[in-house]
Protein backbone atom coordinates (compact mmCIF):
# COMPACT_ATOMS: atom_id res chain seq x y z
CA MET A 1 164.34 152.53 107.14
CA MET A 2 161.35 154.84 107.70
CA SER A 3 163.33 158.05 108.00
CA LYS A 4 160.48 160.56 108.28
CA CYS A 5 159.22 159.60 111.72
CA GLU A 6 160.39 162.97 113.07
CA LYS A 7 157.42 164.61 111.33
CA TYR A 8 155.15 163.07 113.97
CA LYS A 9 154.78 164.60 117.39
CA ARG A 10 154.49 162.02 120.13
CA TYR A 11 151.28 162.27 122.07
CA LYS A 12 152.03 163.60 125.54
CA PRO A 13 150.53 161.05 127.87
CA PHE A 14 148.38 161.86 130.86
CA ILE A 15 149.84 160.17 133.92
CA LEU A 16 147.77 159.42 136.99
CA ASN A 17 150.06 159.07 139.98
CA GLU A 18 147.70 157.24 142.31
CA ARG A 19 146.00 154.78 140.03
CA THR A 20 144.05 151.79 141.37
CA TRP A 21 143.08 149.95 138.18
CA PRO A 22 146.24 147.76 137.88
CA SER A 23 145.31 145.74 140.97
CA LYS A 24 141.72 145.10 139.91
CA ILE A 25 140.18 142.33 137.85
CA ILE A 26 137.02 142.17 135.77
CA THR A 27 134.36 140.20 137.65
CA GLU A 28 131.19 141.00 135.71
CA ALA A 29 130.10 142.18 132.29
CA PRO A 30 129.44 145.90 131.74
CA ILE A 31 126.31 147.34 130.16
CA TRP A 32 126.76 146.59 126.46
CA SER A 33 125.68 149.12 123.86
CA SER A 34 125.82 148.27 120.17
CA VAL A 35 126.67 151.04 117.70
CA ASP A 36 126.48 148.75 114.64
CA LEU A 37 123.57 150.73 113.20
CA ARG A 38 125.22 154.13 113.60
CA ASP A 39 129.02 154.14 113.85
CA GLY A 40 129.31 150.81 112.06
CA ASN A 41 126.86 151.86 109.37
CA GLN A 42 128.66 155.17 108.77
CA ALA A 43 131.82 153.19 108.02
CA LEU A 44 130.29 151.26 105.10
CA LYS A 45 130.80 152.06 101.41
CA VAL A 46 127.16 151.20 100.91
CA PRO A 47 125.22 151.99 104.10
CA MET A 48 122.50 149.59 105.18
CA ASP A 49 118.98 150.19 103.96
CA ILE A 50 116.03 149.90 106.33
CA GLU A 51 115.55 146.20 105.61
CA LYS A 52 119.14 145.34 106.51
CA LYS A 53 119.09 147.69 109.48
CA LEU A 54 116.04 145.88 110.79
CA LYS A 55 117.68 142.49 110.27
CA MET A 56 120.74 143.63 112.19
CA PHE A 57 118.62 145.19 114.95
CA GLN A 58 116.63 141.99 115.43
CA HIS A 59 119.81 139.95 115.64
CA LEU A 60 121.31 142.29 118.23
CA VAL A 61 118.14 141.88 120.29
CA LYS A 62 118.30 138.10 119.87
CA ILE A 63 121.84 137.80 121.24
CA GLY A 64 120.91 139.85 124.29
CA ILE A 65 122.15 143.40 123.77
CA LYS A 66 119.92 145.76 125.75
CA GLN A 67 121.13 149.14 124.45
CA ILE A 68 121.26 149.73 120.72
CA GLU A 69 122.27 152.98 119.04
CA VAL A 70 119.94 152.98 116.05
CA GLY A 71 121.17 155.94 114.08
CA PHE A 72 121.94 159.61 113.61
CA PRO A 73 118.47 160.92 112.62
CA PHE A 74 119.82 164.32 111.55
CA ALA A 75 122.33 162.71 109.15
CA SER A 76 119.96 161.05 106.69
CA GLU A 77 116.34 160.31 105.93
CA THR A 78 117.14 156.60 106.07
CA ASP A 79 118.29 156.90 109.67
CA PHE A 80 115.29 159.02 110.63
CA ASN A 81 112.81 156.69 108.91
CA PHE A 82 114.42 153.63 110.44
CA VAL A 83 113.92 155.00 113.96
CA ARG A 84 110.28 155.72 113.09
CA THR A 85 109.89 152.17 111.72
CA LEU A 86 111.20 150.65 114.95
CA ILE A 87 108.76 152.68 117.05
CA GLU A 88 105.66 152.65 114.85
CA ASP A 89 105.91 148.94 114.00
CA LYS A 90 106.75 148.06 117.61
CA HIS A 91 110.03 146.28 116.96
CA VAL A 92 111.60 147.39 120.26
CA PRO A 93 111.17 144.89 123.12
CA ASP A 94 110.35 146.23 126.58
CA ASP A 95 113.80 145.37 127.93
CA VAL A 96 115.71 147.09 125.09
CA THR A 97 116.55 150.80 124.96
CA ILE A 98 117.21 152.55 121.68
CA ILE A 99 119.73 155.38 121.44
CA VAL A 100 120.11 158.17 118.89
CA LEU A 101 123.22 160.26 118.48
CA SER A 102 123.04 164.02 118.01
CA SER A 103 125.48 166.83 117.59
CA SER A 104 124.87 169.74 119.93
CA SER A 105 123.25 172.07 117.42
CA SER A 106 119.65 172.94 118.24
CA GLU A 107 118.47 171.69 114.81
CA CYS A 108 120.09 168.29 115.30
CA ILE A 109 118.74 167.93 118.84
CA GLU A 110 115.21 168.81 117.67
CA ARG A 111 115.36 166.31 114.81
CA SER A 112 116.55 163.61 117.19
CA PHE A 113 113.58 164.16 119.50
CA ASP A 114 111.21 164.18 116.53
CA SER A 115 112.49 160.75 115.48
CA LEU A 116 111.73 159.31 118.91
CA LYS A 117 108.09 160.41 119.25
CA GLY A 118 106.02 157.63 120.73
CA ALA A 119 108.92 155.63 122.15
CA ASP A 120 108.42 154.20 125.62
CA LYS A 121 112.02 154.89 126.54
CA ALA A 122 115.08 156.15 124.70
CA VAL A 123 118.46 157.79 125.03
CA ILE A 124 119.48 161.08 123.41
CA GLN A 125 123.27 161.26 123.35
CA ILE A 126 124.83 164.58 122.39
CA TYR A 127 128.49 165.38 121.84
CA THR A 128 130.85 168.31 121.36
CA LEU A 129 134.42 168.51 120.01
CA VAL A 130 136.92 169.06 122.83
CA SER A 131 140.43 168.47 121.47
CA PRO A 132 142.77 171.45 120.89
CA ALA A 133 142.99 170.79 117.13
CA GLN A 134 139.22 170.60 116.73
CA ARG A 135 138.65 173.72 118.85
CA LYS A 136 141.15 175.56 116.68
CA TYR A 137 140.52 174.20 113.18
CA VAL A 138 136.95 172.92 113.18
CA ILE A 139 134.70 174.93 115.50
CA ASN A 140 136.94 177.95 116.21
CA MET A 141 136.04 178.18 119.88
CA SER A 142 138.01 178.96 123.00
CA LYS A 143 137.73 176.74 126.03
CA THR A 144 135.36 179.20 127.67
CA GLN A 145 133.16 179.38 124.59
CA LEU A 146 133.03 175.62 124.24
CA LEU A 147 132.13 175.15 127.90
CA GLN A 148 129.21 177.54 127.49
CA TYR A 149 128.12 176.03 124.17
CA THR A 150 128.10 172.53 125.67
CA ALA A 151 126.19 173.61 128.78
CA ASP A 152 123.61 175.39 126.59
CA ALA A 153 123.18 172.26 124.44
CA ALA A 154 122.71 170.16 127.58
CA ALA A 155 120.09 172.62 128.86
CA TYR A 156 118.22 172.58 125.54
CA THR A 157 118.25 168.78 125.49
CA LEU A 158 116.82 168.69 129.02
CA GLU A 159 114.17 171.25 128.07
CA LEU A 160 113.00 169.29 125.01
CA SER A 161 112.90 166.00 126.95
CA LYS A 162 110.23 167.49 129.20
CA LYS A 163 107.94 168.08 126.19
CA TYR A 164 107.58 164.30 125.75
CA PRO A 165 106.10 163.16 129.08
CA ASN A 166 105.15 159.74 127.71
CA THR A 167 108.75 158.82 126.92
CA ASN A 168 111.27 157.97 129.61
CA PHE A 169 114.38 159.75 128.35
CA THR A 170 117.94 159.14 129.50
CA LEU A 171 120.30 161.96 128.54
CA GLY A 172 123.85 161.23 127.48
CA TYR A 173 126.95 163.24 126.62
CA GLY A 174 130.29 162.40 125.00
CA PRO A 175 133.38 164.65 124.71
CA GLU A 176 134.60 163.76 121.20
CA SER A 177 138.39 163.26 120.96
CA PHE A 178 138.51 163.07 124.73
CA THR A 179 141.82 161.18 124.73
CA ILE A 180 143.78 163.98 123.01
CA ALA A 181 142.23 166.84 124.96
CA GLU A 182 143.54 168.31 128.18
CA MET A 183 142.17 166.08 130.97
CA ASP A 184 141.25 168.95 133.24
CA PHE A 185 139.29 170.55 130.40
CA SER A 186 137.58 167.28 129.44
CA LEU A 187 136.56 166.90 133.07
CA ALA A 188 135.28 170.47 133.18
CA VAL A 189 133.15 169.94 130.06
CA CYS A 190 131.66 166.69 131.40
CA ASN A 191 130.95 168.29 134.77
CA SER A 192 129.26 171.26 133.08
CA VAL A 193 126.79 168.87 131.46
CA VAL A 194 126.16 166.87 134.65
CA ARG A 195 125.65 170.12 136.55
CA VAL A 196 122.92 171.15 134.11
CA TRP A 197 121.15 167.78 134.09
CA GLN A 198 121.32 167.17 137.85
CA PRO A 199 120.85 163.40 137.57
CA THR A 200 119.40 161.43 140.46
CA PRO A 201 119.67 157.77 141.50
CA GLU A 202 116.26 157.21 139.90
CA ASN A 203 117.05 159.18 136.73
CA LYS A 204 120.72 158.80 135.92
CA CYS A 205 122.50 160.39 132.98
CA MET A 206 125.28 158.93 130.84
CA VAL A 207 128.77 160.23 130.15
CA THR A 208 130.63 158.30 127.45
CA LEU A 209 134.38 158.78 127.04
CA PRO A 210 135.42 158.21 123.41
CA ALA A 211 138.87 157.29 122.16
CA THR A 212 137.76 158.88 118.89
CA VAL A 213 141.24 158.25 117.52
CA GLU A 214 143.38 155.84 119.50
CA VAL A 215 146.64 157.65 120.25
CA SER A 216 148.18 156.02 123.31
CA THR A 217 148.88 152.73 124.95
CA ALA A 218 146.01 151.10 126.79
CA ASN A 219 147.41 151.85 130.25
CA GLN A 220 147.43 155.58 129.55
CA PHE A 221 143.80 155.44 128.44
CA ALA A 222 142.97 153.68 131.72
CA ASP A 223 144.63 156.53 133.63
CA GLN A 224 142.43 159.03 131.80
CA VAL A 225 139.28 157.05 132.55
CA GLU A 226 140.15 156.69 136.22
CA PHE A 227 140.82 160.43 136.46
CA ILE A 228 137.33 161.22 135.14
CA ASN A 229 135.82 158.47 137.28
CA ASN A 230 137.40 159.93 140.42
CA ASN A 231 136.48 163.54 139.75
CA LEU A 232 133.11 163.54 138.01
CA ILE A 233 130.46 165.36 140.05
CA LEU A 234 127.38 163.41 141.16
CA ARG A 235 129.33 160.32 140.16
CA ASP A 236 126.90 157.86 141.71
CA ASN A 237 124.16 159.24 139.48
CA VAL A 238 126.18 158.98 136.27
CA ILE A 239 126.63 155.88 134.10
CA LEU A 240 130.23 156.14 132.87
CA GLY A 241 130.80 154.58 129.46
CA LEU A 242 133.53 154.02 126.87
CA HIS A 243 133.59 154.27 123.08
CA THR A 244 136.95 153.07 121.78
CA HIS A 245 138.45 152.85 118.30
CA ASN A 246 141.20 150.55 117.10
CA ASP A 247 143.69 152.83 115.33
CA ARG A 248 146.65 151.33 117.20
CA GLY A 249 145.21 147.83 117.37
CA THR A 250 144.80 147.89 121.15
CA CYS A 251 141.14 148.77 121.37
CA THR A 252 140.12 145.64 123.29
CA ALA A 253 142.90 146.04 125.83
CA ALA A 254 142.08 149.73 126.29
CA THR A 255 138.44 148.91 126.95
CA GLU A 256 139.24 146.12 129.40
CA LEU A 257 141.57 148.41 131.34
CA GLY A 258 138.98 151.19 131.12
CA ILE A 259 136.47 148.89 132.83
CA LEU A 260 139.01 148.30 135.59
CA ALA A 261 139.36 152.09 135.84
CA GLY A 262 135.66 152.57 136.59
CA ALA A 263 133.64 152.40 133.37
CA GLU A 264 130.26 150.63 133.67
CA ARG A 265 129.08 150.79 130.08
CA VAL A 266 130.80 149.89 126.81
CA GLU A 267 129.95 150.74 123.20
CA GLY A 268 131.09 148.56 120.31
CA THR A 269 130.11 146.63 117.21
CA LEU A 270 130.01 143.05 116.02
CA PHE A 271 133.47 142.09 114.74
CA GLY A 272 134.73 145.64 115.26
CA ASN A 273 133.11 147.24 112.21
CA GLY A 274 133.61 151.01 112.35
CA GLU A 275 135.46 153.96 110.96
CA ARG A 276 139.12 153.56 109.91
CA THR A 277 140.41 150.47 111.73
CA GLY A 278 137.10 149.99 113.48
CA ASN A 279 135.38 150.08 116.84
CA LEU A 280 135.66 147.79 119.80
CA ASP A 281 134.73 144.25 118.77
CA LEU A 282 131.93 143.09 121.06
CA VAL A 283 132.53 139.47 120.07
CA THR A 284 136.16 139.51 121.17
CA ILE A 285 135.70 141.32 124.47
CA ALA A 286 132.58 139.35 125.42
CA LEU A 287 134.25 136.01 124.70
CA ASN A 288 137.40 137.13 126.52
CA MET A 289 135.17 137.38 129.57
CA TYR A 290 133.42 134.10 128.80
CA SER A 291 136.72 132.22 128.50
CA SER A 292 137.66 133.65 131.91
CA GLY A 293 134.55 132.21 133.55
CA ILE A 294 132.45 135.40 133.44
CA ASP A 295 128.94 135.42 131.95
CA PRO A 296 129.19 138.12 129.24
CA LYS A 297 125.39 138.52 129.04
CA ILE A 298 125.65 138.27 125.24
CA ASP A 299 124.74 134.97 123.60
CA PHE A 300 127.30 133.87 121.00
CA SER A 301 126.40 130.19 121.25
CA ASP A 302 125.66 130.29 117.51
CA LEU A 303 128.54 132.47 116.43
CA ASP A 304 128.19 131.47 112.79
CA GLU A 305 124.72 133.03 112.71
CA SER A 306 126.18 136.33 113.91
CA ILE A 307 128.76 136.07 111.14
CA ARG A 308 126.09 135.44 108.51
CA VAL A 309 123.97 138.39 109.64
CA TYR A 310 126.98 140.67 109.86
CA GLU A 311 128.34 139.77 106.44
CA ASP A 312 124.93 140.00 104.78
CA CYS A 313 124.05 143.36 106.32
CA THR A 314 127.43 145.09 106.01
CA GLY A 315 129.03 143.47 102.97
CA CYS A 316 132.18 142.99 105.08
CA LYS A 317 133.91 139.66 105.72
CA VAL A 318 135.14 138.17 108.97
CA HIS A 319 138.84 137.39 108.62
CA GLU A 320 139.77 133.72 108.99
CA ARG A 321 142.09 134.63 111.89
CA HIS A 322 139.61 136.92 113.66
CA PRO A 323 139.61 136.13 117.41
CA TYR A 324 137.09 133.42 118.27
CA ALA A 325 135.08 133.93 115.05
CA GLY A 326 137.55 133.19 112.26
CA LYS A 327 137.31 129.87 110.45
CA GLN A 328 140.93 129.06 111.30
CA VAL A 329 141.21 130.23 114.92
CA PHE A 330 140.64 126.78 116.42
CA THR A 331 142.63 124.95 113.73
CA ALA A 332 145.99 123.37 114.48
CA TYR A 333 148.40 122.28 111.74
CA SER A 334 151.55 121.90 113.84
CA GLY A 335 152.31 118.34 114.83
CA GLY A 336 153.29 119.37 118.36
CA HIS A 337 150.10 121.38 118.84
CA GLN A 338 147.96 118.57 117.46
CA ASP A 339 149.50 116.04 119.79
CA ALA A 340 148.98 118.31 122.82
CA ILE A 341 145.33 118.97 121.87
CA ARG A 342 144.67 115.27 121.37
CA LYS A 343 146.19 114.31 124.70
CA GLY A 344 144.31 117.11 126.47
CA LEU A 345 140.99 115.99 125.05
CA ILE A 346 141.64 112.35 125.94
CA TYR A 347 142.63 113.27 129.50
CA ARG A 348 139.59 115.54 129.92
CA GLU A 349 137.17 112.84 128.76
CA LYS A 350 138.83 110.09 130.78
CA ASN A 351 138.85 112.12 134.01
CA LYS A 352 135.46 113.80 133.49
CA GLU A 353 137.00 117.24 134.01
CA GLU A 354 134.54 120.13 134.23
CA LYS A 355 137.01 122.96 133.67
CA TRP A 356 138.22 123.56 130.13
CA MET A 357 142.04 123.44 130.03
CA ILE A 358 142.83 122.09 126.56
CA PRO A 359 146.23 123.23 125.24
CA TYR A 360 146.07 125.82 122.44
CA ILE A 361 142.25 125.95 122.49
CA PRO A 362 141.18 128.76 124.91
CA VAL A 363 137.44 128.09 124.63
CA ASP A 364 135.42 125.00 123.75
CA PRO A 365 134.37 125.47 120.10
CA ALA A 366 131.12 123.65 120.89
CA ASP A 367 130.12 126.55 123.17
CA LEU A 368 130.15 128.79 120.10
CA GLY A 369 128.23 126.38 117.92
CA ARG A 370 131.41 125.13 116.27
CA SER A 371 132.53 121.53 115.77
CA MET A 372 135.75 119.99 117.05
CA ASP A 373 135.99 118.18 113.71
CA ASP A 374 137.86 121.07 112.09
CA VAL A 375 140.26 121.70 114.97
CA ILE A 376 143.02 119.46 113.60
CA GLN A 377 143.86 119.88 109.90
CA ILE A 378 146.58 117.90 108.17
CA ASN A 379 149.34 119.41 106.05
CA SER A 380 153.10 119.04 105.70
CA GLN A 381 153.60 120.54 109.18
CA SER A 382 151.49 117.89 110.85
CA GLY A 383 152.68 114.80 112.68
CA LYS A 384 151.37 111.44 113.75
CA GLY A 385 149.41 112.96 116.64
CA GLY A 386 147.11 114.87 114.31
CA VAL A 387 146.51 111.89 112.06
CA HIS A 388 145.89 109.74 115.11
CA TYR A 389 143.34 112.25 116.46
CA ILE A 390 141.34 112.25 113.21
CA LEU A 391 141.28 108.47 113.02
CA GLU A 392 140.45 108.05 116.69
CA LYS A 393 137.60 110.52 116.35
CA ALA A 394 136.19 108.96 113.19
CA LEU A 395 136.67 105.27 113.96
CA ASP A 396 136.66 105.27 117.77
CA ILE A 397 139.84 103.20 117.98
CA THR A 398 143.33 103.69 119.40
CA LEU A 399 146.11 103.08 116.90
CA PRO A 400 149.29 101.26 117.95
CA LYS A 401 152.29 103.56 118.07
CA PRO A 402 154.11 101.97 115.11
CA ILE A 403 151.01 102.50 112.95
CA GLN A 404 150.70 106.08 114.20
CA ALA A 405 154.25 106.73 113.02
CA GLU A 406 153.71 104.88 109.75
CA MET A 407 150.52 106.79 108.92
CA GLY A 408 152.10 110.09 109.96
CA LYS A 409 154.94 109.56 107.48
CA LYS A 410 152.61 108.55 104.67
CA ILE A 411 150.37 111.58 105.15
CA LYS A 412 153.33 113.93 105.45
CA ILE A 413 154.85 112.66 102.20
CA LEU A 414 151.53 113.03 100.39
CA SER A 415 150.89 116.51 101.77
CA ASP A 416 154.43 117.62 100.89
CA LYS A 417 153.99 116.27 97.39
CA THR A 418 150.63 117.95 96.75
CA SER A 419 151.32 121.10 98.84
CA GLN A 420 147.74 120.89 100.03
CA CYS A 421 145.84 120.45 103.24
CA LEU A 422 144.16 117.06 103.56
CA SER A 423 140.62 116.88 104.87
CA SER A 424 139.59 114.45 107.59
CA ASP A 425 137.69 112.41 105.01
CA GLU A 426 140.80 112.13 102.84
CA VAL A 427 142.92 110.99 105.80
CA ILE A 428 140.35 108.34 106.71
CA LYS A 429 140.16 107.10 103.11
CA ILE A 430 143.95 106.80 102.89
CA PHE A 431 143.97 104.86 106.14
CA LEU A 432 141.24 102.45 105.10
CA ASP A 433 142.80 101.89 101.68
CA GLU A 434 146.19 101.27 103.26
CA TYR A 435 145.11 98.80 105.94
CA ASN A 436 142.08 96.99 104.48
CA LEU A 437 143.48 93.46 104.61
CA SER A 438 140.62 91.98 102.61
CA LYS A 439 141.46 94.33 99.77
CA LEU A 440 145.24 94.03 100.04
CA THR A 441 145.31 90.22 100.14
CA ASN A 442 142.48 89.55 97.71
CA GLY A 443 143.49 86.88 95.17
CA PHE A 444 146.49 85.66 97.17
CA TYR A 445 144.78 84.02 100.12
CA ASN A 446 141.63 82.03 100.60
CA ILE A 447 140.66 81.28 104.16
CA ALA A 448 137.96 78.90 105.36
CA ILE A 449 137.17 78.85 109.06
CA ASN A 450 135.06 76.33 110.94
CA GLN A 451 134.23 76.76 114.58
CA LEU A 452 132.73 74.33 117.06
CA ASP A 453 132.51 75.85 120.53
CA GLU A 454 136.11 76.88 121.32
CA ASP A 455 137.71 74.64 118.71
CA ILE A 456 138.74 76.26 115.45
CA SER A 457 139.85 74.70 112.19
CA VAL A 458 141.38 76.87 109.51
CA SER A 459 142.16 76.10 105.87
CA LEU A 460 144.59 78.57 104.31
CA ASP A 461 145.10 78.43 100.54
CA CYS A 462 148.02 80.53 99.39
CA GLN A 463 147.74 80.31 95.59
CA GLY A 464 147.75 76.53 95.50
CA ARG A 465 149.74 75.87 98.66
CA LYS A 466 147.22 74.60 101.16
CA MET A 467 147.75 74.60 104.89
CA GLU A 468 145.51 73.16 107.57
CA MET A 469 145.56 74.19 111.19
CA ALA A 470 143.33 73.56 114.18
CA GLY A 471 143.18 74.27 117.86
CA ASP A 472 141.70 76.34 120.66
CA ARG A 473 140.60 79.82 119.56
CA GLU A 474 142.87 81.47 122.11
CA TYR A 475 145.98 79.92 120.52
CA ILE A 476 144.99 79.64 116.86
CA VAL A 477 147.11 82.58 115.70
CA ASP A 478 150.23 81.06 117.31
CA ILE A 479 149.35 77.73 115.69
CA CYS A 480 149.05 79.48 112.31
CA LEU A 481 152.49 81.01 112.79
CA SER A 482 154.00 77.56 113.43
CA VAL A 483 152.38 76.12 110.30
CA LEU A 484 153.55 79.08 108.17
CA MET A 485 157.12 78.81 109.51
CA GLU A 486 157.21 75.11 108.64
CA GLU A 487 155.65 75.56 105.21
CA PHE A 488 158.10 78.30 104.21
CA SER A 489 161.19 77.12 106.14
CA LEU A 490 161.34 80.09 108.49
CA ASP A 491 163.34 79.95 111.70
CA ASP A 492 162.99 81.90 114.92
CA VAL A 493 159.93 84.06 114.21
CA ASN A 494 158.05 85.26 117.29
CA ILE A 495 154.94 87.36 117.84
CA THR A 496 156.08 90.19 120.10
CA GLU A 497 152.82 92.13 120.23
CA HIS A 498 149.22 91.38 119.29
CA THR A 499 146.28 93.69 120.01
CA ASP A 500 142.71 93.69 118.79
CA THR A 501 140.02 96.35 118.81
CA LYS A 502 136.66 97.03 117.26
CA ASP A 503 135.32 100.32 115.91
CA LYS A 504 131.84 101.82 116.18
CA GLU A 505 130.98 100.43 112.72
CA GLY A 506 131.65 96.86 113.90
CA ARG A 507 134.95 96.42 112.04
CA PHE A 508 137.71 94.38 113.69
CA TYR A 509 141.22 95.86 113.80
CA THR A 510 144.27 93.72 114.50
CA PHE A 511 147.87 94.75 115.13
CA ILE A 512 150.51 92.02 114.96
CA GLN A 513 154.22 92.57 115.41
CA ILE A 514 156.78 89.84 114.81
CA GLN A 515 160.51 89.60 115.32
CA HIS A 516 162.80 87.53 113.09
CA GLY A 517 165.73 86.11 115.00
CA VAL A 518 168.20 86.61 112.14
CA ASP A 519 168.21 90.40 112.27
CA GLU A 520 166.10 91.02 115.41
CA VAL A 521 164.19 93.74 113.55
CA LYS A 522 160.49 93.92 114.27
CA TYR A 523 157.96 93.80 111.44
CA SER A 524 154.36 94.79 111.94
CA SER A 525 151.04 94.59 110.19
CA PHE A 526 147.77 96.29 110.91
CA GLY A 527 144.45 95.77 109.23
CA TRP A 528 140.75 95.56 109.47
CA GLY A 529 137.86 93.47 108.26
CA THR A 530 134.48 92.17 109.29
CA ASP A 531 135.64 88.79 110.68
CA GLN A 532 138.10 88.97 113.55
CA LEU A 533 139.92 85.66 113.03
CA THR A 534 140.26 86.18 109.29
CA VAL A 535 141.76 89.60 109.96
CA GLN A 536 144.20 88.17 112.49
CA ILE A 537 145.47 85.48 110.10
CA LEU A 538 145.79 87.86 107.17
CA ALA A 539 147.65 90.38 109.36
CA LEU A 540 150.07 87.66 110.41
CA CYS A 541 150.70 86.75 106.77
CA ARG A 542 151.30 90.39 105.86
CA ALA A 543 153.81 90.81 108.70
CA ILE A 544 155.76 87.72 107.58
CA GLU A 545 155.88 89.06 104.02
CA LYS A 546 157.97 91.98 105.29
CA ILE A 547 160.88 89.75 106.34
CA PRO A 548 163.75 90.53 103.91
CA ASN A 549 164.42 88.05 101.12
CA PHE A 550 161.12 86.35 101.74
CA ASN A 551 158.02 86.63 99.67
CA TYR A 552 155.16 84.18 99.39
CA TYR A 553 154.71 84.94 95.76
CA SER A 554 158.33 84.42 94.68
CA GLU A 555 158.38 81.21 96.71
CA LEU A 556 155.29 80.02 94.92
CA ILE A 557 156.64 80.92 91.49
CA GLY A 558 159.92 79.22 92.27
């Protein structure tokens, strides 16, 4: 029992009585803004140097992100110099806007503008601390004082922007700890900034609402966003954005509901890198949209490249169960899941379906640059469906049901014994070793086949016992059965099933099932080889060997 929960005061939620967001759906992607190089970088034990920052920046550009927060120039020389490197070495494409973050002190604002000299366009985003605890403990300001301080900072930012006529500046503001401040006060602070900036349809400003620390359920955050959306002055001239953190693990849901509540712009990082439990994961939210049929406007068609860049630049690792990106997220071990996936894939291919509706696989791995080869992995939890899928995929054949069951049992026993996962290559090797008739019967049978048109003659030498048979090719297997029954004094043996197939490597596969009248139990054999008729005859011999109390070799010895 965790008996000290009473020490925590439950956050008092803001409730919007006439909300509209629950009945809405997301129909298009928002404006994406990456904060990998600022918020994400500040969360690293070893912050990125300029070389790694540039590598990350170029990757963000490559995947299609058009707004990139490139640093906090007042915080470090590395951040300042990186911004200068981007501008002076012309690394910023025409369709990409760089953003710098600034506190509202005059020194920080000045340094931010200095870093952006010579940029064609840029965003200066300032912030102030608005929560009751921060007003009391950190900045020691009353509400009135903070309102004035924020308005003065907005005015100074506007004033400095006019001193750089060659740069098209967009001004932005964020009320830090917005979610735990009084909503009417947060609105008042945001409106004070908008009132100073007087944005127009041609020159909009940005207001970004941060869940600096996530403290409520996602629906309550959506209420807060809709309240600001409904009451912000000059709303049509303001780009409303979100900056969420993942302290409660519901960051993605909060952002999605915040979009429904009116937000047009979203800040986040690749794989959710950020302070404490991280920022919004752009990969997850973008691919949530993609898997719902919405173009996310971010290209994750080579998701593994994004992983490589992220891990190299940050030193962090993507968890194997990370949504969409983890190595194991498309992997099925359960026999039931494997069977459902296999049947879904077969049905989709057979019926040429355009829509992706495969059980347990929400998005086609191929769309992310992944292979379907690793979807089904075999361990002790797997069943015949998974084994069948691997063999079908590798050999392009359909296994008879008795062989599916037989292989499933063999693989399960082996996996249980070794307590390991078996790779596709290992499963295929076990299968080929188990059913290679040429290998299994080597030394016991010699077969010579002569063919003239449709007439076949077969000589079967079973360790000194020679049998001759001849007839039409269509009936030669039945003729062989009759000769074998006579040679070994067998009664009432019938072929109940016989199927043949050929794989993409040109190997012939034969399944033969017989029934012995004495016990009416069915015995089957399955095998492969390069000559179809040889395979058929050897498979028949192997099936007969399974009849109880009968064995060619003991007969021969006797």
